[in-house]
Full PDB file with SEQRES, HELIX, SHEET, SSBOND, CRYST1, ORIGX, SCALE, CONECT and MASTER records, all heavy atoms in Angstrom:
SEQRES   1 A   40  ALA LYS ASN THR LEU PHE SER ASN GLY ASP VAL THR GLU          
SEQRES   2 A   40  GLU SER ALA ILE LYS SER LEU ASN LEU LEU ASN SER ARG          
SEQRES   3 A   40  GLU ILE ASP PHE GLY ASP LEU PHE PHE GLU ARG THR VAL          
SEQRES   4 A   40  SER                                                          
HELIX    1 AA1 LYS A    2  LEU A    5  1                                   4    
HELIX    2 AA2 GLU A   13  LEU A   23  1                                  11    
CRYST1    1.000    1.000    1.000  90.00  90.00  90.00 P 1           1          
ORIGX1      1.000000  0.000000  0.000000        0.00000                         
ORIGX2      0.000000  1.000000  0.000000        0.00000                         
ORIGX3      0.000000  0.000000  1.000000        0.00000                         
SCALE1      1.000000  0.000000  0.000000        0.00000                         
SCALE2      0.000000  1.000000  0.000000        0.00000                         
SCALE3      0.000000  0.000000  1.000000        0.00000                         
ATOM      1  N   ALA A   1      29.947  -5.647 -22.205  1.00  0.00           N  
ATOM      2  CA  ALA A   1      28.617  -5.186 -22.628  1.00  0.00           C  
ATOM      3  C   ALA A   1      28.029  -4.218 -21.613  1.00  0.00           C  
ATOM      4  O   ALA A   1      27.462  -3.182 -21.971  1.00  0.00           O  
ATOM      5  CB  ALA A   1      27.698  -6.380 -22.836  1.00  0.00           C  
ATOM      6  N   LYS A   2      28.167  -4.522 -20.331  1.00  0.00           N  
ATOM      7  CA  LYS A   2      27.637  -3.653 -19.271  1.00  0.00           C  
ATOM      8  C   LYS A   2      28.286  -2.273 -19.332  1.00  0.00           C  
ATOM      9  O   LYS A   2      27.595  -1.242 -19.267  1.00  0.00           O  
ATOM     10  CB  LYS A   2      27.881  -4.296 -17.904  1.00  0.00           C  
ATOM     11  CG  LYS A   2      27.347  -3.477 -16.739  1.00  0.00           C  
ATOM     12  CD  LYS A   2      27.663  -4.134 -15.403  1.00  0.00           C  
ATOM     13  CE  LYS A   2      29.162  -4.064 -15.104  1.00  0.00           C  
ATOM     14  NZ  LYS A   2      29.467  -4.530 -13.718  1.00  0.00           N  
ATOM     15  N   ASN A   3      29.599  -2.248 -19.478  1.00  0.00           N  
ATOM     16  CA  ASN A   3      30.313  -0.972 -19.537  1.00  0.00           C  
ATOM     17  C   ASN A   3      29.916  -0.160 -20.770  1.00  0.00           C  
ATOM     18  O   ASN A   3      29.797   1.063 -20.723  1.00  0.00           O  
ATOM     19  CB  ASN A   3      31.819  -1.211 -19.529  1.00  0.00           C  
ATOM     20  CG  ASN A   3      32.312  -1.780 -18.212  1.00  0.00           C  
ATOM     21  OD1 ASN A   3      31.646  -1.660 -17.189  1.00  0.00           O  
ATOM     22  ND2 ASN A   3      33.472  -2.418 -18.232  1.00  0.00           N  
ATOM     23  N   THR A   4      29.686  -0.860 -21.883  1.00  0.00           N  
ATOM     24  CA  THR A   4      29.306  -0.177 -23.125  1.00  0.00           C  
ATOM     25  C   THR A   4      27.891   0.376 -23.049  1.00  0.00           C  
ATOM     26  O   THR A   4      27.621   1.525 -23.416  1.00  0.00           O  
ATOM     27  CB  THR A   4      29.420  -1.148 -24.320  1.00  0.00           C  
ATOM     28  OG1 THR A   4      30.766  -1.602 -24.442  1.00  0.00           O  
ATOM     29  CG2 THR A   4      28.988  -0.477 -25.612  1.00  0.00           C  
ATOM     30  N   LEU A   5      26.968  -0.453 -22.570  1.00  0.00           N  
ATOM     31  CA  LEU A   5      25.545  -0.086 -22.585  1.00  0.00           C  
ATOM     32  C   LEU A   5      25.178   0.920 -21.495  1.00  0.00           C  
ATOM     33  O   LEU A   5      24.268   1.736 -21.683  1.00  0.00           O  
ATOM     34  CB  LEU A   5      24.695  -1.350 -22.434  1.00  0.00           C  
ATOM     35  CG  LEU A   5      24.766  -2.328 -23.613  1.00  0.00           C  
ATOM     36  CD1 LEU A   5      24.222  -3.690 -23.204  1.00  0.00           C  
ATOM     37  CD2 LEU A   5      24.012  -1.789 -24.808  1.00  0.00           C  
ATOM     38  N   PHE A   6      25.857   0.872 -20.366  1.00  0.00           N  
ATOM     39  CA  PHE A   6      25.486   1.725 -19.234  1.00  0.00           C  
ATOM     40  C   PHE A   6      26.416   2.915 -19.048  1.00  0.00           C  
ATOM     41  O   PHE A   6      26.288   3.655 -18.071  1.00  0.00           O  
ATOM     42  CB  PHE A   6      25.475   0.903 -17.939  1.00  0.00           C  
ATOM     43  CG  PHE A   6      24.483  -0.230 -17.921  1.00  0.00           C  
ATOM     44  CD1 PHE A   6      24.581  -1.237 -16.980  1.00  0.00           C  
ATOM     45  CD2 PHE A   6      23.445  -0.292 -18.839  1.00  0.00           C  
ATOM     46  CE1 PHE A   6      23.673  -2.282 -16.950  1.00  0.00           C  
ATOM     47  CE2 PHE A   6      22.532  -1.333 -18.826  1.00  0.00           C  
ATOM     48  CZ  PHE A   6      22.648  -2.337 -17.875  1.00  0.00           C  
ATOM     49  N   SER A   7      27.322   3.142 -19.991  1.00  0.00           N  
ATOM     50  CA  SER A   7      28.357   4.163 -19.788  1.00  0.00           C  
ATOM     51  C   SER A   7      27.842   5.587 -19.925  1.00  0.00           C  
ATOM     52  O   SER A   7      28.395   6.514 -19.331  1.00  0.00           O  
ATOM     53  CB  SER A   7      29.506   3.938 -20.773  1.00  0.00           C  
ATOM     54  OG  SER A   7      29.041   4.081 -22.107  1.00  0.00           O  
ATOM     55  N   ASN A   8      26.775   5.796 -20.695  1.00  0.00           N  
ATOM     56  CA  ASN A   8      26.332   7.172 -20.984  1.00  0.00           C  
ATOM     57  C   ASN A   8      25.091   7.608 -20.215  1.00  0.00           C  
ATOM     58  O   ASN A   8      24.501   8.644 -20.498  1.00  0.00           O  
ATOM     59  CB  ASN A   8      26.066   7.319 -22.485  1.00  0.00           C  
ATOM     60  CG  ASN A   8      27.327   7.151 -23.308  1.00  0.00           C  
ATOM     61  OD1 ASN A   8      28.393   7.616 -22.912  1.00  0.00           O  
ATOM     62  ND2 ASN A   8      27.216   6.475 -24.443  1.00  0.00           N  
ATOM     63  N   GLY A   9      24.675   6.833 -19.233  1.00  0.00           N  
ATOM     64  CA  GLY A   9      23.491   7.190 -18.458  1.00  0.00           C  
ATOM     65  C   GLY A   9      23.682   6.840 -16.996  1.00  0.00           C  
ATOM     66  O   GLY A   9      24.787   6.536 -16.549  1.00  0.00           O  
ATOM     67  N   ASP A  10      22.568   6.849 -16.257  1.00  0.00           N  
ATOM     68  CA  ASP A  10      22.664   6.559 -14.830  1.00  0.00           C  
ATOM     69  C   ASP A  10      22.251   5.131 -14.493  1.00  0.00           C  
ATOM     70  O   ASP A  10      22.144   4.765 -13.311  1.00  0.00           O  
ATOM     71  CB  ASP A  10      21.818   7.550 -14.031  1.00  0.00           C  
ATOM     72  CG  ASP A  10      20.352   7.546 -14.461  1.00  0.00           C  
ATOM     73  OD1 ASP A  10      20.011   6.834 -15.428  1.00  0.00           O  
ATOM     74  OD2 ASP A  10      19.550   8.263 -13.825  1.00  0.00           O  
ATOM     75  N   VAL A  11      22.007   4.299 -15.520  1.00  0.00           N  
ATOM     76  CA  VAL A  11      21.641   2.909 -15.274  1.00  0.00           C  
ATOM     77  C   VAL A  11      22.866   2.147 -14.777  1.00  0.00           C  
ATOM     78  O   VAL A  11      23.967   2.282 -15.314  1.00  0.00           O  
ATOM     79  CB  VAL A  11      21.079   2.245 -16.541  1.00  0.00           C  
ATOM     80  CG1 VAL A  11      20.812   0.762 -16.301  1.00  0.00           C  
ATOM     81  CG2 VAL A  11      19.802   2.936 -16.991  1.00  0.00           C  
ATOM     82  N   THR A  12      22.658   1.355 -13.752  1.00  0.00           N  
ATOM     83  CA  THR A  12      23.700   0.483 -13.218  1.00  0.00           C  
ATOM     84  C   THR A  12      23.168  -0.943 -13.189  1.00  0.00           C  
ATOM     85  O   THR A  12      21.974  -1.179 -13.438  1.00  0.00           O  
ATOM     86  CB  THR A  12      24.103   0.891 -11.796  1.00  0.00           C  
ATOM     87  OG1 THR A  12      22.958   0.732 -10.936  1.00  0.00           O  
ATOM     88  CG2 THR A  12      24.596   2.337 -11.754  1.00  0.00           C  
ATOM     89  N   GLU A  13      24.034  -1.853 -12.863  1.00  0.00           N  
ATOM     90  CA  GLU A  13      23.617  -3.246 -12.706  1.00  0.00           C  
ATOM     91  C   GLU A  13      22.488  -3.351 -11.686  1.00  0.00           C  
ATOM     92  O   GLU A  13      21.483  -4.044 -11.900  1.00  0.00           O  
ATOM     93  CB  GLU A  13      24.839  -4.044 -12.252  1.00  0.00           C  
ATOM     94  CG  GLU A  13      24.708  -5.536 -12.321  1.00  0.00           C  
ATOM     95  CD  GLU A  13      26.020  -6.192 -11.941  1.00  0.00           C  
ATOM     96  OE1 GLU A  13      26.288  -6.343 -10.728  1.00  0.00           O  
ATOM     97  OE2 GLU A  13      26.793  -6.540 -12.863  1.00  0.00           O  
ATOM     98  N   GLU A  14      22.634  -2.633 -10.576  1.00  0.00           N  
ATOM     99  CA  GLU A  14      21.640  -2.689  -9.502  1.00  0.00           C  
ATOM    100  C   GLU A  14      20.308  -2.071  -9.928  1.00  0.00           C  
ATOM    101  O   GLU A  14      19.230  -2.618  -9.634  1.00  0.00           O  
ATOM    102  CB  GLU A  14      22.177  -1.960  -8.260  1.00  0.00           C  
ATOM    103  CG  GLU A  14      23.348  -2.637  -7.580  1.00  0.00           C  
ATOM    104  CD  GLU A  14      24.659  -2.473  -8.339  1.00  0.00           C  
ATOM    105  OE1 GLU A  14      24.743  -1.537  -9.193  1.00  0.00           O  
ATOM    106  OE2 GLU A  14      25.585  -3.258  -8.121  1.00  0.00           O  
ATOM    107  N   SER A  15      20.347  -0.932 -10.611  1.00  0.00           N  
ATOM    108  CA  SER A  15      19.087  -0.285 -11.007  1.00  0.00           C  
ATOM    109  C   SER A  15      18.383  -1.074 -12.110  1.00  0.00           C  
ATOM    110  O   SER A  15      17.149  -1.077 -12.188  1.00  0.00           O  
ATOM    111  CB  SER A  15      19.343   1.155 -11.461  1.00  0.00           C  
ATOM    112  OG  SER A  15      20.118   1.215 -12.640  1.00  0.00           O  
ATOM    113  N   ALA A  16      19.155  -1.769 -12.965  1.00  0.00           N  
ATOM    114  CA  ALA A  16      18.538  -2.608 -13.997  1.00  0.00           C  
ATOM    115  C   ALA A  16      17.794  -3.775 -13.362  1.00  0.00           C  
ATOM    116  O   ALA A  16      16.674  -4.119 -13.775  1.00  0.00           O  
ATOM    117  CB  ALA A  16      19.605  -3.109 -14.964  1.00  0.00           C  
ATOM    118  N   ILE A  17      18.401  -4.389 -12.332  1.00  0.00           N  
ATOM    119  CA  ILE A  17      17.731  -5.482 -11.626  1.00  0.00           C  
ATOM    120  C   ILE A  17      16.482  -4.968 -10.898  1.00  0.00           C  
ATOM    121  O   ILE A  17      15.443  -5.639 -10.852  1.00  0.00           O  
ATOM    122  CB  ILE A  17      18.699  -6.158 -10.630  1.00  0.00           C  
ATOM    123  CG1 ILE A  17      19.782  -6.928 -11.405  1.00  0.00           C  
ATOM    124  CG2 ILE A  17      17.961  -7.098  -9.697  1.00  0.00           C  
ATOM    125  CD1 ILE A  17      19.267  -8.085 -12.228  1.00  0.00           C  
ATOM    126  N   LYS A  18      16.571  -3.759 -10.357  1.00  0.00           N  
ATOM    127  CA  LYS A  18      15.410  -3.148  -9.704  1.00  0.00           C  
ATOM    128  C   LYS A  18      14.265  -2.985 -10.703  1.00  0.00           C  
ATOM    129  O   LYS A  18      13.095  -3.266 -10.388  1.00  0.00           O  
ATOM    130  CB  LYS A  18      15.803  -1.802  -9.115  1.00  0.00           C  
ATOM    131  CG  LYS A  18      14.677  -1.106  -8.366  1.00  0.00           C  
ATOM    132  CD  LYS A  18      15.146   0.233  -7.788  1.00  0.00           C  
ATOM    133  CE  LYS A  18      14.007   0.956  -7.078  1.00  0.00           C  
ATOM    134  NZ  LYS A  18      14.449   2.269  -6.541  1.00  0.00           N  
ATOM    135  N   SER A  19      14.566  -2.534 -11.916  1.00  0.00           N  
ATOM    136  CA  SER A  19      13.531  -2.385 -12.951  1.00  0.00           C  
ATOM    137  C   SER A  19      12.979  -3.738 -13.365  1.00  0.00           C  
ATOM    138  O   SER A  19      11.773  -3.874 -13.622  1.00  0.00           O  
ATOM    139  CB  SER A  19      14.129  -1.668 -14.167  1.00  0.00           C  
ATOM    140  OG  SER A  19      14.449  -0.335 -13.863  1.00  0.00           O  
ATOM    141  N   LEU A  20      13.840  -4.750 -13.414  1.00  0.00           N  
ATOM    142  CA  LEU A  20      13.383  -6.097 -13.765  1.00  0.00           C  
ATOM    143  C   LEU A  20      12.394  -6.613 -12.718  1.00  0.00           C  
ATOM    144  O   LEU A  20      11.388  -7.236 -13.059  1.00  0.00           O  
ATOM    145  CB  LEU A  20      14.586  -7.035 -13.896  1.00  0.00           C  
ATOM    146  CG  LEU A  20      14.315  -8.412 -14.508  1.00  0.00           C  
ATOM    147  CD1 LEU A  20      13.869  -8.273 -15.962  1.00  0.00           C  
ATOM    148  CD2 LEU A  20      15.559  -9.290 -14.430  1.00  0.00           C  
ATOM    149  N   ASN A  21      12.656  -6.334 -11.458  1.00  0.00           N  
ATOM    150  CA  ASN A  21      11.732  -6.732 -10.400  1.00  0.00           C  
ATOM    151  C   ASN A  21      10.419  -5.955 -10.485  1.00  0.00           C  
ATOM    152  O   ASN A  21       9.347  -6.489 -10.183  1.00  0.00           O  
ATOM    153  CB  ASN A  21      12.386  -6.539  -9.033  1.00  0.00           C  
ATOM    154  CG  ASN A  21      13.276  -7.710  -8.649  1.00  0.00           C  
ATOM    155  OD1 ASN A  21      12.785  -8.816  -8.442  1.00  0.00           O  
ATOM    156  ND2 ASN A  21      14.572  -7.475  -8.560  1.00  0.00           N  
ATOM    157  N   LEU A  22      10.486  -4.698 -10.899  1.00  0.00           N  
ATOM    158  CA  LEU A  22       9.267  -3.922 -11.116  1.00  0.00           C  
ATOM    159  C   LEU A  22       8.429  -4.554 -12.225  1.00  0.00           C  
ATOM    160  O   LEU A  22       7.204  -4.688 -12.104  1.00  0.00           O  
ATOM    161  CB  LEU A  22       9.632  -2.483 -11.482  1.00  0.00           C  
ATOM    162  CG  LEU A  22       8.476  -1.567 -11.922  1.00  0.00           C  
ATOM    163  CD1 LEU A  22       7.449  -1.430 -10.806  1.00  0.00           C  
ATOM    164  CD2 LEU A  22       9.011  -0.195 -12.331  1.00  0.00           C  
ATOM    165  N   LEU A  23       9.094  -4.962 -13.300  1.00  0.00           N  
ATOM    166  CA  LEU A  23       8.397  -5.622 -14.405  1.00  0.00           C  
ATOM    167  C   LEU A  23       7.733  -6.911 -13.927  1.00  0.00           C  
ATOM    168  O   LEU A  23       6.624  -7.259 -14.349  1.00  0.00           O  
ATOM    169  CB  LEU A  23       9.397  -5.927 -15.530  1.00  0.00           C  
ATOM    170  CG  LEU A  23       8.845  -6.603 -16.781  1.00  0.00           C  
ATOM    171  CD1 LEU A  23       7.926  -5.658 -17.544  1.00  0.00           C  
ATOM    172  CD2 LEU A  23       9.985  -7.062 -17.681  1.00  0.00           C  
ATOM    173  N   ASN A  24       8.397  -7.598 -13.003  1.00  0.00           N  
ATOM    174  CA  ASN A  24       7.934  -8.898 -12.525  1.00  0.00           C  
ATOM    175  C   ASN A  24       6.946  -8.780 -11.362  1.00  0.00           C  
ATOM    176  O   ASN A  24       6.525  -9.785 -10.793  1.00  0.00           O  
ATOM    177  CB  ASN A  24       9.149  -9.729 -12.085  1.00  0.00           C  
ATOM    178  CG  ASN A  24       8.863 -11.208 -12.071  1.00  0.00           C  
ATOM    179  OD1 ASN A  24       8.207 -11.734 -12.966  1.00  0.00           O  
ATOM    180  ND2 ASN A  24       9.361 -11.899 -11.051  1.00  0.00           N  
ATOM    181  N   SER A  25       6.545  -7.557 -11.006  1.00  0.00           N  
ATOM    182  CA  SER A  25       5.685  -7.361  -9.845  1.00  0.00           C  
ATOM    183  C   SER A  25       4.207  -7.624 -10.133  1.00  0.00           C  
ATOM    184  O   SER A  25       3.380  -7.561  -9.231  1.00  0.00           O  
ATOM    185  CB  SER A  25       5.851  -5.941  -9.295  1.00  0.00           C  
ATOM    186  OG  SER A  25       5.410  -4.987 -10.252  1.00  0.00           O  
ATOM    187  N   ARG A  26       3.902  -7.881 -11.390  1.00  0.00           N  
ATOM    188  CA  ARG A  26       2.549  -8.322 -11.743  1.00  0.00           C  
ATOM    189  C   ARG A  26       2.594  -9.758 -12.231  1.00  0.00           C  
ATOM    190  O   ARG A  26       3.656 -10.270 -12.591  1.00  0.00           O  
ATOM    191  CB  ARG A  26       1.962  -7.417 -12.825  1.00  0.00           C  
ATOM    192  CG  ARG A  26       1.621  -6.031 -12.308  1.00  0.00           C  
ATOM    193  CD  ARG A  26       0.623  -5.349 -13.208  1.00  0.00           C  
ATOM    194  NE  ARG A  26       0.178  -4.075 -12.671  1.00  0.00           N  
ATOM    195  CZ  ARG A  26      -0.834  -3.384 -13.150  1.00  0.00           C  
ATOM    196  NH1 ARG A  26      -1.516  -3.850 -14.192  1.00  0.00           N  
ATOM    197  NH2 ARG A  26      -1.181  -2.237 -12.627  1.00  0.00           N  
ATOM    198  N   GLU A  27       1.428 -10.395 -12.273  1.00  0.00           N  
ATOM    199  CA  GLU A  27       1.382 -11.796 -12.664  1.00  0.00           C  
ATOM    200  C   GLU A  27       1.561 -11.930 -14.176  1.00  0.00           C  
ATOM    201  O   GLU A  27       0.605 -11.819 -14.948  1.00  0.00           O  
ATOM    202  CB  GLU A  27       0.064 -12.432 -12.217  1.00  0.00           C  
ATOM    203  CG  GLU A  27      -0.026 -12.623 -10.711  1.00  0.00           C  
ATOM    204  CD  GLU A  27      -1.294 -13.349 -10.305  1.00  0.00           C  
ATOM    205  OE1 GLU A  27      -2.105 -13.687 -11.192  1.00  0.00           O  
ATOM    206  OE2 GLU A  27      -1.479 -13.566  -9.094  1.00  0.00           O  
ATOM    207  N   ILE A  28       2.775 -12.148 -14.565  1.00  0.00           N  
ATOM    208  CA  ILE A  28       3.105 -12.385 -15.971  1.00  0.00           C  
ATOM    209  C   ILE A  28       3.775 -13.747 -16.078  1.00  0.00           C  
ATOM    210  O   ILE A  28       4.309 -14.278 -15.095  1.00  0.00           O  
ATOM    211  CB  ILE A  28       4.029 -11.286 -16.532  1.00  0.00           C  
ATOM    212  CG1 ILE A  28       5.341 -11.215 -15.741  1.00  0.00           C  
ATOM    213  CG2 ILE A  28       3.327  -9.943 -16.542  1.00  0.00           C  
ATOM    214  CD1 ILE A  28       6.370 -10.262 -16.329  1.00  0.00           C  
ATOM    215  N   ASP A  29       3.746 -14.317 -17.258  1.00  0.00           N  
ATOM    216  CA  ASP A  29       4.445 -15.592 -17.460  1.00  0.00           C  
ATOM    217  C   ASP A  29       5.951 -15.380 -17.490  1.00  0.00           C  
ATOM    218  O   ASP A  29       6.710 -16.146 -16.912  1.00  0.00           O  
ATOM    219  CB  ASP A  29       3.969 -16.251 -18.759  1.00  0.00           C  
ATOM    220  CG  ASP A  29       2.534 -16.725 -18.660  1.00  0.00           C  
ATOM    221  OD1 ASP A  29       2.233 -17.484 -17.717  1.00  0.00           O  
ATOM    222  OD2 ASP A  29       1.711 -16.316 -19.493  1.00  0.00           O  
ATOM    223  N   PHE A  30       6.362 -14.338 -18.173  1.00  0.00           N  
ATOM    224  CA  PHE A  30       7.771 -13.952 -18.183  1.00  0.00           C  
ATOM    225  C   PHE A  30       7.892 -12.585 -18.845  1.00  0.00           C  
ATOM    226  O   PHE A  30       6.949 -12.083 -19.465  1.00  0.00           O  
ATOM    227  CB  PHE A  30       8.648 -14.981 -18.924  1.00  0.00           C  
ATOM    228  CG  PHE A  30       8.313 -15.150 -20.381  1.00  0.00           C  
ATOM    229  CD1 PHE A  30       8.881 -14.325 -21.351  1.00  0.00           C  
ATOM    230  CD2 PHE A  30       7.431 -16.140 -20.809  1.00  0.00           C  
ATOM    231  CE1 PHE A  30       8.568 -14.469 -22.692  1.00  0.00           C  
ATOM    232  CE2 PHE A  30       7.119 -16.293 -22.147  1.00  0.00           C  
ATOM    233  CZ  PHE A  30       7.694 -15.456 -23.088  1.00  0.00           C  
ATOM    234  N   GLY A  31       9.047 -11.997 -18.695  1.00  0.00           N  
ATOM    235  CA  GLY A  31       9.319 -10.715 -19.342  1.00  0.00           C  
ATOM    236  C   GLY A  31      10.812 -10.547 -19.492  1.00  0.00           C  
ATOM    237  O   GLY A  31      11.604 -11.400 -19.049  1.00  0.00           O  
ATOM    238  N   ASP A  32      11.226  -9.451 -20.109  1.00  0.00           N  
ATOM    239  CA  ASP A  32      12.664  -9.220 -20.261  1.00  0.00           C  
ATOM    240  C   ASP A  32      12.970  -7.761 -20.569  1.00  0.00           C  
ATOM    241  O   ASP A  32      12.118  -7.014 -21.054  1.00  0.00           O  
ATOM    242  CB  ASP A  32      13.276 -10.129 -21.336  1.00  0.00           C  
ATOM    243  CG  ASP A  32      12.520 -10.142 -22.647  1.00  0.00           C  
ATOM    244  OD1 ASP A  32      12.141  -9.050 -23.129  1.00  0.00           O  
ATOM    245  OD2 ASP A  32      12.295 -11.225 -23.205  1.00  0.00           O  
ATOM    246  N   LEU A  33      14.185  -7.384 -20.249  1.00  0.00           N  
ATOM    247  CA  LEU A  33      14.773  -6.106 -20.659  1.00  0.00           C  
ATOM    248  C   LEU A  33      15.810  -6.422 -21.716  1.00  0.00           C  
ATOM    249  O   LEU A  33      16.640  -7.310 -21.520  1.00  0.00           O  
ATOM    250  CB  LEU A  33      15.451  -5.397 -19.489  1.00  0.00           C  
ATOM    251  CG  LEU A  33      14.723  -5.316 -18.145  1.00  0.00           C  
ATOM    252  CD1 LEU A  33      15.586  -4.569 -17.127  1.00  0.00           C  
ATOM    253  CD2 LEU A  33      13.371  -4.650 -18.306  1.00  0.00           C  
ATOM    254  N   PHE A  34      15.766  -5.712 -22.830  1.00  0.00           N  
ATOM    255  CA  PHE A  34      16.715  -5.955 -23.914  1.00  0.00           C  
ATOM    256  C   PHE A  34      17.440  -4.649 -24.236  1.00  0.00           C  
ATOM    257  O   PHE A  34      16.856  -3.712 -24.786  1.00  0.00           O  
ATOM    258  CB  PHE A  34      15.995  -6.486 -25.157  1.00  0.00           C  
ATOM    259  CG  PHE A  34      16.915  -6.843 -26.291  1.00  0.00           C  
ATOM    260  CD1 PHE A  34      17.554  -8.068 -26.321  1.00  0.00           C  
ATOM    261  CD2 PHE A  34      17.152  -5.945 -27.336  1.00  0.00           C  
ATOM    262  CE1 PHE A  34      18.409  -8.405 -27.370  1.00  0.00           C  
ATOM    263  CE2 PHE A  34      17.993  -6.266 -28.374  1.00  0.00           C  
ATOM    264  CZ  PHE A  34      18.630  -7.501 -28.395  1.00  0.00           C  
ATOM    265  N   PHE A  35      18.714  -4.580 -23.871  1.00  0.00           N  
ATOM    266  CA  PHE A  35      19.549  -3.407 -24.123  1.00  0.00           C  
ATOM    267  C   PHE A  35      20.370  -3.630 -25.390  1.00  0.00           C  
ATOM    268  O   PHE A  35      20.863  -4.737 -25.635  1.00  0.00           O  
ATOM    269  CB  PHE A  35      20.511  -3.169 -22.964  1.00  0.00           C  
ATOM    270  CG  PHE A  35      19.849  -2.894 -21.651  1.00  0.00           C  
ATOM    271  CD1 PHE A  35      19.560  -3.929 -20.767  1.00  0.00           C  
ATOM    272  CD2 PHE A  35      19.526  -1.593 -21.277  1.00  0.00           C  
ATOM    273  CE1 PHE A  35      18.958  -3.681 -19.546  1.00  0.00           C  
ATOM    274  CE2 PHE A  35      18.925  -1.329 -20.056  1.00  0.00           C  
ATOM    275  CZ  PHE A  35      18.636  -2.372 -19.191  1.00  0.00           C  
ATOM    276  N   GLU A  36      20.535  -2.571 -26.178  1.00  0.00           N  
ATOM    277  CA  GLU A  36      21.299  -2.718 -27.423  1.00  0.00           C  
ATOM    278  C   GLU A  36      21.998  -1.412 -27.792  1.00  0.00           C  
ATOM    279  O   GLU A  36      21.450  -0.318 -27.594  1.00  0.00           O  
ATOM    280  CB  GLU A  36      20.366  -3.124 -28.565  1.00  0.00           C  
ATOM    281  CG  GLU A  36      21.068  -3.288 -29.904  1.00  0.00           C  
ATOM    282  CD  GLU A  36      20.087  -3.597 -31.031  1.00  0.00           C  
ATOM    283  OE1 GLU A  36      19.019  -2.942 -31.078  1.00  0.00           O  
ATOM    284  OE2 GLU A  36      20.380  -4.497 -31.822  1.00  0.00           O  
ATOM    285  N   ARG A  37      23.195  -1.544 -28.335  1.00  0.00           N  
ATOM    286  CA  ARG A  37      23.919  -0.424 -28.939  1.00  0.00           C  
ATOM    287  C   ARG A  37      24.594  -0.951 -30.195  1.00  0.00           C  
ATOM    288  O   ARG A  37      25.366  -1.913 -30.146  1.00  0.00           O  
ATOM    289  CB  ARG A  37      24.966   0.146 -27.977  1.00  0.00           C  
ATOM    290  CG  ARG A  37      25.829   1.262 -28.589  1.00  0.00           C  
ATOM    291  CD  ARG A  37      26.885   1.719 -27.592  1.00  0.00           C  
ATOM    292  NE  ARG A  37      27.904   2.560 -28.204  1.00  0.00           N  
ATOM    293  CZ  ARG A  37      27.833   3.881 -28.324  1.00  0.00           C  
ATOM    294  NH1 ARG A  37      26.764   4.527 -27.878  1.00  0.00           N  
ATOM    295  NH2 ARG A  37      28.816   4.567 -28.866  1.00  0.00           N  
ATOM    296  N   THR A  38      24.303  -0.326 -31.336  1.00  0.00           N  
ATOM    297  CA  THR A  38      24.879  -0.747 -32.610  1.00  0.00           C  
ATOM    298  C   THR A  38      25.518   0.448 -33.303  1.00  0.00           C  
ATOM    299  O   THR A  38      24.865   1.482 -33.499  1.00  0.00           O  
ATOM    300  CB  THR A  38      23.807  -1.365 -33.529  1.00  0.00           C  
ATOM    301  OG1 THR A  38      23.247  -2.519 -32.890  1.00  0.00           O  
ATOM    302  CG2 THR A  38      24.421  -1.783 -34.860  1.00  0.00           C  
ATOM    303  N   VAL A  39      26.780   0.290 -33.664  1.00  0.00           N  
ATOM    304  CA  VAL A  39      27.521   1.318 -34.397  1.00  0.00           C  
ATOM    305  C   VAL A  39      27.755   0.802 -35.816  1.00  0.00           C  
ATOM    306  O   VAL A  39      28.245  -0.312 -36.001  1.00  0.00           O  
ATOM    307  CB  VAL A  39      28.862   1.635 -33.719  1.00  0.00           C  
ATOM    308  CG1 VAL A  39      29.588   2.743 -34.469  1.00  0.00           C  
ATOM    309  CG2 VAL A  39      28.647   2.031 -32.264  1.00  0.00           C  
ATOM    310  N   SER A  40      27.367   1.599 -36.817  1.00  0.00           N  
ATOM    311  CA  SER A  40      27.460   1.176 -38.214  1.00  0.00           C  
ATOM    312  C   SER A  40      28.209   2.199 -39.061  1.00  0.00           C  
ATOM    313  O   SER A  40      28.122   3.406 -38.803  1.00  0.00           O  
ATOM    314  CB  SER A  40      26.060   0.978 -38.807  1.00  0.00           C  
ATOM    315  OG  SER A  40      25.298   0.079 -38.037  1.00  0.00           O  
TER     316      SER A  40                                                      
MASTER        0    0    0    2    0    0    0    6  315    1    0    4          
END                                                                             
């Protein structure tokens, strides 16, 4: 999934976690990043 979703851009495992920490830098109950690729 990581190779499929991150193959066409500059997002990496490390930069995704960095963005998740940015999301979590305010007082929230919870949050999430949801990546998707669908071929039909």
